[in-house]
Amino acid sequence: MTIQDLSWRQFFKRKMGENMNLFEIKGLYKCYQKKAKPKVYAVYNVNLNIKKGEVLGLVGESGCGKTTLGKMLLKLEQPTRGRILFHEQDITDYSFPQMRKIRNNMQMTFQGSANAFNPYFTVEQIIGEPLHNYSTESQGEQEKKIVDMLEKVGLSKTYLTRYSHEMSGGQRQRVGIARALILHPEFVVCDEAVSSIDYALKNQILTLLTGLKEQFGLTYLFISHDISAVNKICDRVVVMYLGNIVEIIPRINDKAEHPYTKALLAATLIPDPKKRRKNTILFREGEELKIPEKGCVFQNRCLYTQEICKTEQPALMSKHDRHDVACHLCHGH
């Protein structure tokens, strides 16, 4: 497609679309126990942009706030503080009727495919539910769309009458992807999309997600514990620790600098036993997993804690192109 084929406005919009921010997240907090002292935050002061067309990885230990952040972007959870902009429109305080108007543009594949579906629904009902809620098409047109989407995720129409308990983990995962994409959204939160399937199926699902992204022009927030999956599919990776972003890096193996990111990588099981590290100390054991009242969020477990780490919280600063890190040590202190 050249500029001769499009008006100058269409051409400019298409070329700029690759660098446009689909989401802008500004100072986002989520506190579930507001009366607790000190307050406990699931997400703490997150500032982040998600570019249109990218696959943004989100990694960290269980309970670090990954899923909560993803749900807040979709307004399945309401932020305690901060702003969420979607297509430059502030949706933070959108009501249910307001969100309904844009809900078809943002969807989620949920963690735990075995528990994500109504056990009394057939595959046809599971995939078709979003259409029944948001589409004005006829029953026949909806049925045709369901079959078409089922085939796009690699399942035949013979699965239409099956129930979730009659399918494998990989098949349920494909159905979950089909349900999320049936409305052709722009943005999809993939929450542990490959956590419940074996290695061979994992690669199939990752290839499927990549192919569907190209076919439909999707943007993904890819939440995962699987470092190899993140490296295979993601354009950038966000590392979270106790609700805080500690590093943003193009690929998680590309010169990670934050001590937590390095510990996370070192703890990843390497398939070849001969290459595994032995008796490596990754961080201070036995320390409380809580946000300190002041200073760096990782100070209690970090092997390199300095005095400044105990008093000043490091800002998320740019090291070079597409690489940001929140660490006094990395900033030269």
Protein backbone atom coordinates (compact mmCIF):
# COMPACT_ATOMS: atom_id res chain seq x y z
CA MET A 1 0.00 0.00 0.00
CA THR A 2 1.49 3.36 -1.08
CA ILE A 3 0.49 6.95 -0.58
CA GLN A 4 -0.97 6.90 -4.12
CA ASP A 5 -3.49 4.28 -2.98
CA LEU A 6 -4.66 6.31 0.04
CA SER A 7 -5.58 9.88 0.84
CA TRP A 8 -2.77 11.72 2.66
CA ARG A 9 -4.83 11.61 5.86
CA GLN A 10 -5.33 7.83 5.67
CA PHE A 11 -1.66 7.27 4.81
CA PHE A 12 -0.49 9.44 7.72
CA LYS A 13 -2.87 7.70 10.12
CA ARG A 14 -1.71 4.23 9.02
CA LYS A 15 2.01 5.04 9.26
CA MET A 16 1.62 6.76 12.62
CA GLY A 17 -0.59 3.97 13.95
CA GLU A 18 2.43 1.78 14.63
CA ASN A 19 3.76 4.33 17.12
CA MET A 20 0.48 5.46 18.64
CA ASN A 21 -0.34 4.73 22.26
CA LEU A 22 -3.45 2.58 22.54
CA PHE A 23 -3.34 2.88 26.36
CA GLU A 24 -1.78 5.54 28.56
CA ILE A 25 -1.63 4.60 32.25
CA LYS A 26 -0.85 7.46 34.61
CA GLY A 27 -0.09 7.07 38.33
CA LEU A 28 -2.31 4.01 38.75
CA TYR A 29 -2.93 2.57 42.23
CA LYS A 30 -5.11 -0.26 43.52
CA CYS A 31 -5.64 -0.67 47.26
CA TYR A 32 -8.00 -3.39 48.51
CA GLN A 33 -7.68 -2.68 52.26
CA LYS A 34 -8.09 1.07 52.42
CA LYS A 35 -8.47 1.14 56.21
CA ALA A 36 -5.30 -0.89 56.86
CA LYS A 37 -2.27 0.95 58.25
CA PRO A 38 -0.03 1.09 56.37
CA LYS A 39 -2.21 0.63 53.29
CA VAL A 40 -1.59 -2.48 51.22
CA TYR A 41 -1.38 -1.81 47.49
CA ALA A 42 -1.82 -4.47 44.80
CA VAL A 43 -0.70 -1.93 42.18
CA TYR A 44 1.43 1.06 43.16
CA ASN A 45 2.02 4.20 41.07
CA VAL A 46 2.18 2.50 37.67
CA ASN A 47 2.99 4.72 34.68
CA LEU A 48 2.98 2.89 31.38
CA ASN A 49 2.10 3.26 27.71
CA ILE A 50 0.94 0.37 25.53
CA LYS A 51 1.54 0.99 21.84
CA LYS A 52 -0.97 0.01 19.21
CA GLY A 53 -0.02 -3.30 17.59
CA GLU A 54 2.58 -4.40 20.15
CA VAL A 55 2.71 -7.44 22.40
CA LEU A 56 3.63 -6.17 25.86
CA GLY A 57 4.78 -8.85 28.29
CA LEU A 58 4.09 -8.57 32.02
CA VAL A 59 6.10 -10.79 34.39
CA GLY A 60 6.70 -11.14 38.12
CA GLU A 61 6.01 -13.40 41.08
CA SER A 62 2.49 -14.51 41.97
CA GLY A 63 0.67 -11.73 43.80
CA CYS A 64 2.73 -8.90 42.32
CA GLY A 65 -0.32 -7.25 40.72
CA LYS A 66 -0.10 -8.45 37.11
CA THR A 67 -3.69 -9.68 36.76
CA THR A 68 -5.04 -6.74 38.79
CA LEU A 69 -3.37 -4.31 36.39
CA GLY A 70 -4.80 -6.14 33.39
CA LYS A 71 -8.31 -6.11 34.88
CA MET A 72 -8.06 -2.40 35.67
CA LEU A 73 -7.28 -1.61 32.03
CA LEU A 74 -10.51 -3.37 31.06
CA LYS A 75 -12.37 -1.71 33.95
CA LEU A 76 -13.13 -5.11 35.51
CA GLU A 77 -11.45 -3.58 38.57
CA GLN A 78 -11.81 0.08 39.52
CA PRO A 79 -8.52 1.92 40.28
CA THR A 80 -8.10 3.51 43.69
CA ARG A 81 -6.21 6.40 42.11
CA GLY A 82 -4.72 7.37 38.75
CA ARG A 83 -5.96 7.65 35.18
CA ILE A 84 -6.47 5.23 32.29
CA LEU A 85 -6.62 6.62 28.75
CA PHE A 86 -7.79 4.47 25.84
CA HIS A 87 -7.37 6.06 22.41
CA GLU A 88 -6.56 9.30 24.29
CA GLN A 89 -9.98 9.14 25.95
CA ASP A 90 -10.02 9.07 29.78
CA ILE A 91 -12.08 5.98 30.69
CA THR A 92 -11.12 5.85 34.39
CA ASP A 93 -14.53 6.88 35.69
CA TYR A 94 -16.64 5.39 32.92
CA SER A 95 -19.92 3.92 34.13
CA PHE A 96 -21.14 0.46 33.09
CA PRO A 97 -23.30 1.88 30.23
CA GLN A 98 -20.34 3.95 28.99
CA MET A 99 -18.01 0.95 29.10
CA ARG A 100 -20.58 -1.17 27.28
CA LYS A 101 -20.14 1.07 24.21
CA ILE A 102 -16.42 0.20 23.97
CA ARG A 103 -16.38 -3.22 25.64
CA ASN A 104 -16.27 -5.05 22.30
CA ASN A 105 -12.93 -3.30 21.68
CA MET A 106 -11.18 -4.88 24.69
CA GLN A 107 -11.36 -8.49 25.85
CA MET A 108 -9.52 -10.95 28.11
CA THR A 109 -8.53 -14.61 28.09
CA PHE A 110 -8.71 -15.71 31.70
CA GLN A 111 -6.26 -17.79 33.71
CA GLY A 112 -7.32 -21.35 34.43
CA SER A 113 -9.24 -22.55 31.38
CA ALA A 114 -10.98 -25.27 33.43
CA ASN A 115 -12.75 -22.66 35.57
CA ALA A 116 -13.24 -19.93 32.96
CA PHE A 117 -16.44 -21.33 31.41
CA ASN A 118 -19.96 -22.05 32.57
CA PRO A 119 -19.94 -25.88 32.88
CA TYR A 120 -23.53 -26.00 31.57
CA PHE A 121 -22.66 -24.13 28.35
CA THR A 122 -21.66 -25.83 25.12
CA VAL A 123 -18.73 -24.47 23.09
CA GLU A 124 -21.23 -22.76 20.79
CA GLN A 125 -22.83 -20.98 23.76
CA ILE A 126 -19.45 -20.06 25.27
CA ILE A 127 -18.12 -18.43 22.10
CA GLY A 128 -21.49 -16.97 21.16
CA GLU A 129 -22.21 -15.27 24.50
CA PRO A 130 -20.37 -12.01 23.60
CA LEU A 131 -22.26 -11.90 20.29
CA HIS A 132 -25.60 -12.30 22.07
CA ASN A 133 -24.64 -9.44 24.40
CA TYR A 134 -23.24 -6.97 21.86
CA SER A 135 -24.17 -7.98 18.31
CA THR A 136 -27.34 -7.03 16.43
CA GLU A 137 -26.78 -9.65 13.72
CA SER A 138 -29.26 -12.41 13.02
CA GLN A 139 -29.00 -15.82 14.67
CA GLY A 140 -27.80 -17.35 11.41
CA GLU A 141 -25.06 -14.76 10.95
CA GLN A 142 -23.91 -15.26 14.53
CA GLU A 143 -23.75 -19.04 14.11
CA LYS A 144 -21.66 -18.61 10.95
CA LYS A 145 -19.25 -16.30 12.83
CA ILE A 146 -18.89 -18.81 15.67
CA VAL A 147 -17.97 -21.64 13.30
CA ASP A 148 -15.55 -19.38 11.41
CA MET A 149 -13.80 -18.26 14.61
CA LEU A 150 -13.64 -21.82 15.93
CA GLU A 151 -11.86 -22.89 12.74
CA LYS A 152 -9.47 -19.93 13.01
CA VAL A 153 -8.27 -21.20 16.40
CA GLY A 154 -7.74 -24.69 15.01
CA LEU A 155 -10.92 -26.52 16.05
CA SER A 156 -13.60 -28.01 13.81
CA LYS A 157 -17.33 -27.37 14.10
CA THR A 158 -17.72 -30.80 15.69
CA TYR A 159 -16.67 -29.12 18.95
CA LEU A 160 -19.74 -26.85 18.96
CA THR A 161 -21.81 -29.26 21.05
CA ARG A 162 -19.08 -30.19 23.54
CA TYR A 163 -18.93 -29.00 27.14
CA SER A 164 -15.77 -27.68 28.79
CA HIS A 165 -15.17 -30.88 30.79
CA GLU A 166 -15.12 -32.85 27.52
CA MET A 167 -12.05 -30.99 26.23
CA SER A 168 -8.34 -30.95 27.00
CA GLY A 169 -6.55 -27.95 28.47
CA GLY A 170 -5.24 -26.93 25.06
CA GLN A 171 -8.68 -27.19 23.47
CA ARG A 172 -10.26 -25.11 26.24
CA GLN A 173 -7.53 -22.52 25.78
CA ARG A 174 -8.38 -22.28 22.08
CA VAL A 175 -12.06 -21.86 22.92
CA GLY A 176 -11.14 -19.08 25.36
CA ILE A 177 -9.18 -17.32 22.64
CA ALA A 178 -12.10 -17.71 20.21
CA ARG A 179 -14.49 -16.21 22.77
CA ALA A 180 -12.17 -13.24 23.32
CA LEU A 181 -11.76 -12.56 19.59
CA ILE A 182 -15.33 -13.16 18.39
CA LEU A 183 -16.11 -9.42 18.61
CA HIS A 184 -12.85 -8.50 16.82
CA PRO A 185 -11.41 -6.35 19.63
CA GLU A 186 -8.35 -4.13 19.30
CA PHE A 187 -6.89 -5.09 22.67
CA VAL A 188 -6.69 -8.46 24.44
CA VAL A 189 -5.32 -9.24 27.90
CA CYS A 190 -3.86 -12.76 27.75
CA ASP A 191 -3.66 -13.88 31.39
CA GLU A 192 -1.41 -16.97 31.67
CA ALA A 193 -2.50 -18.18 28.24
CA VAL A 194 -0.02 -21.09 28.25
CA SER A 195 0.09 -21.98 31.95
CA SER A 196 -2.16 -25.05 31.86
CA ILE A 197 -0.79 -26.83 28.80
CA ASP A 198 2.28 -28.91 27.97
CA TYR A 199 5.35 -27.80 26.02
CA ALA A 200 4.21 -28.95 22.57
CA LEU A 201 0.80 -27.33 22.91
CA LYS A 202 2.39 -24.18 24.33
CA ASN A 203 4.24 -23.53 21.08
CA GLN A 204 1.06 -24.15 19.11
CA ILE A 205 -0.88 -21.63 21.19
CA LEU A 206 1.91 -19.03 20.93
CA THR A 207 2.03 -19.50 17.15
CA LEU A 208 -1.77 -19.20 17.05
CA LEU A 209 -1.74 -15.97 19.08
CA THR A 210 0.96 -14.49 16.85
CA GLY A 211 -0.93 -15.42 13.69
CA LEU A 212 -4.23 -14.00 14.99
CA LYS A 213 -2.46 -10.79 16.03
CA GLU A 214 -1.22 -10.28 12.47
CA GLN A 215 -4.56 -11.26 10.95
CA PHE A 216 -6.72 -9.00 13.09
CA GLY A 217 -4.23 -6.21 13.95
CA LEU A 218 -4.41 -6.94 17.68
CA THR A 219 -2.57 -5.48 20.65
CA TYR A 220 -1.80 -7.90 23.51
CA LEU A 221 -0.97 -7.52 27.18
CA PHE A 222 0.66 -10.92 27.69
CA ILE A 223 0.75 -11.85 31.40
CA SER A 224 2.88 -14.91 32.12
CA HIS A 225 5.25 -16.71 34.48
CA ASP A 226 6.80 -18.46 31.48
CA ILE A 227 9.96 -16.55 30.53
CA SER A 228 10.51 -18.55 27.34
CA ALA A 229 6.96 -17.80 26.16
CA VAL A 230 7.43 -14.11 26.95
CA ASN A 231 10.67 -14.02 24.95
CA LYS A 232 9.04 -15.74 22.01
CA ILE A 233 5.99 -13.54 21.62
CA CYS A 234 6.63 -10.14 23.24
CA ASP A 235 8.01 -6.88 21.81
CA ARG A 236 8.67 -5.36 25.25
CA VAL A 237 8.57 -6.78 28.77
CA VAL A 238 7.43 -5.11 31.99
CA VAL A 239 8.78 -6.57 35.24
CA MET A 240 6.62 -6.05 38.36
CA TYR A 241 7.49 -6.55 42.02
CA LEU A 242 4.88 -6.05 44.78
CA GLY A 243 2.73 -3.83 42.58
CA ASN A 244 5.63 -1.68 41.31
CA ILE A 245 7.21 -1.63 37.87
CA VAL A 246 10.94 -2.16 38.43
CA GLU A 247 12.09 -2.59 34.84
CA ILE A 248 10.87 -2.29 31.24
CA ILE A 249 13.10 -4.01 28.73
CA PRO A 250 12.87 -4.89 25.00
CA ARG A 251 13.44 -8.60 25.67
CA ILE A 252 13.85 -9.97 29.15
CA ASN A 253 17.17 -11.67 28.36
CA ASP A 254 18.61 -8.49 26.78
CA LYS A 255 20.95 -7.08 29.44
CA ALA A 256 18.53 -7.06 32.36
CA GLU A 257 19.87 -4.63 34.96
CA HIS A 258 17.53 -4.60 37.96
CA PRO A 259 18.60 -7.09 40.70
CA TYR A 260 15.06 -8.48 40.86
CA THR A 261 14.91 -9.11 37.09
CA LYS A 262 18.28 -10.86 37.29
CA ALA A 263 17.05 -13.01 40.20
CA LEU A 264 13.86 -13.83 38.29
CA LEU A 265 15.90 -15.00 35.30
CA ALA A 266 18.35 -16.95 37.47
CA ALA A 267 15.43 -18.78 39.10
CA THR A 268 14.09 -19.90 35.73
CA LEU A 269 14.60 -23.63 35.22
CA ILE A 270 16.97 -24.32 32.31
CA PRO A 271 16.03 -27.49 30.36
CA ASP A 272 19.63 -28.73 30.19
CA PRO A 273 20.63 -29.91 33.72
CA LYS A 274 24.34 -29.39 32.95
CA LYS A 275 23.79 -25.67 32.38
CA ARG A 276 21.84 -25.05 35.59
CA ARG A 277 23.47 -22.97 38.28
CA LYS A 278 24.06 -24.64 41.61
CA ASN A 279 23.74 -23.05 45.05
CA THR A 280 23.33 -19.57 43.59
CA ILE A 281 22.05 -16.97 46.06
CA LEU A 282 19.38 -14.96 44.26
CA PHE A 283 18.11 -12.69 47.06
CA ARG A 284 17.86 -12.56 50.82
CA GLU A 285 15.75 -15.45 52.02
CA GLY A 286 13.22 -15.23 54.83
CA GLU A 287 12.49 -11.53 54.40
CA GLU A 288 8.92 -10.24 54.50
CA LEU A 289 7.18 -9.77 51.16
CA LYS A 290 5.73 -6.35 51.90
CA ILE A 291 6.17 -2.86 50.57
CA PRO A 292 8.54 -0.87 52.83
CA GLU A 293 7.18 2.40 54.21
CA LYS A 294 9.89 4.29 52.31
CA GLY A 295 12.72 3.62 49.88
CA CYS A 296 13.07 0.92 47.25
CA VAL A 297 10.35 -1.71 47.14
CA PHE A 298 12.96 -4.49 46.75
CA GLN A 299 15.30 -3.36 49.55
CA ASN A 300 14.39 -6.16 52.01
CA ARG A 301 15.45 -8.92 49.62
CA CYS A 302 18.08 -7.22 47.45
CA LEU A 303 21.70 -8.37 47.82
CA TYR A 304 23.00 -4.89 46.94
CA THR A 305 20.95 -2.63 49.23
CA GLN A 306 22.61 0.71 50.04
CA GLU A 307 21.58 3.43 52.50
CA ILE A 308 19.87 5.46 49.77
CA CYS A 309 17.74 2.42 48.95
CA LYS A 310 16.23 2.57 52.46
CA THR A 311 15.23 6.23 52.26
CA GLU A 312 14.50 7.14 48.61
CA GLN A 313 12.33 5.27 46.16
CA PRO A 314 14.17 5.05 42.81
CA ALA A 315 12.37 6.55 39.82
CA LEU A 316 11.75 4.52 36.68
CA MET A 317 14.37 6.12 34.44
CA SER A 318 15.36 5.51 30.83
CA LYS A 319 18.73 3.81 30.36
CA HIS A 320 18.56 3.78 26.57
CA ASP A 321 16.03 3.11 23.82
CA ARG A 322 13.02 1.15 25.18
CA HIS A 323 14.82 0.21 28.41
CA ASP A 324 13.73 1.74 31.74
CA VAL A 325 14.86 0.66 35.20
CA ALA A 326 14.01 1.74 38.76
CA CYS A 327 17.22 1.09 40.74
CA HIS A 328 19.69 3.38 42.52
CA LEU A 329 22.53 0.98 41.72
CA CYS A 330 21.72 1.16 37.99
CA HIS A 331 21.46 4.96 38.21
CA GLY A 332 25.03 5.20 39.51
CA HIS A 333 24.35 5.86 43.22
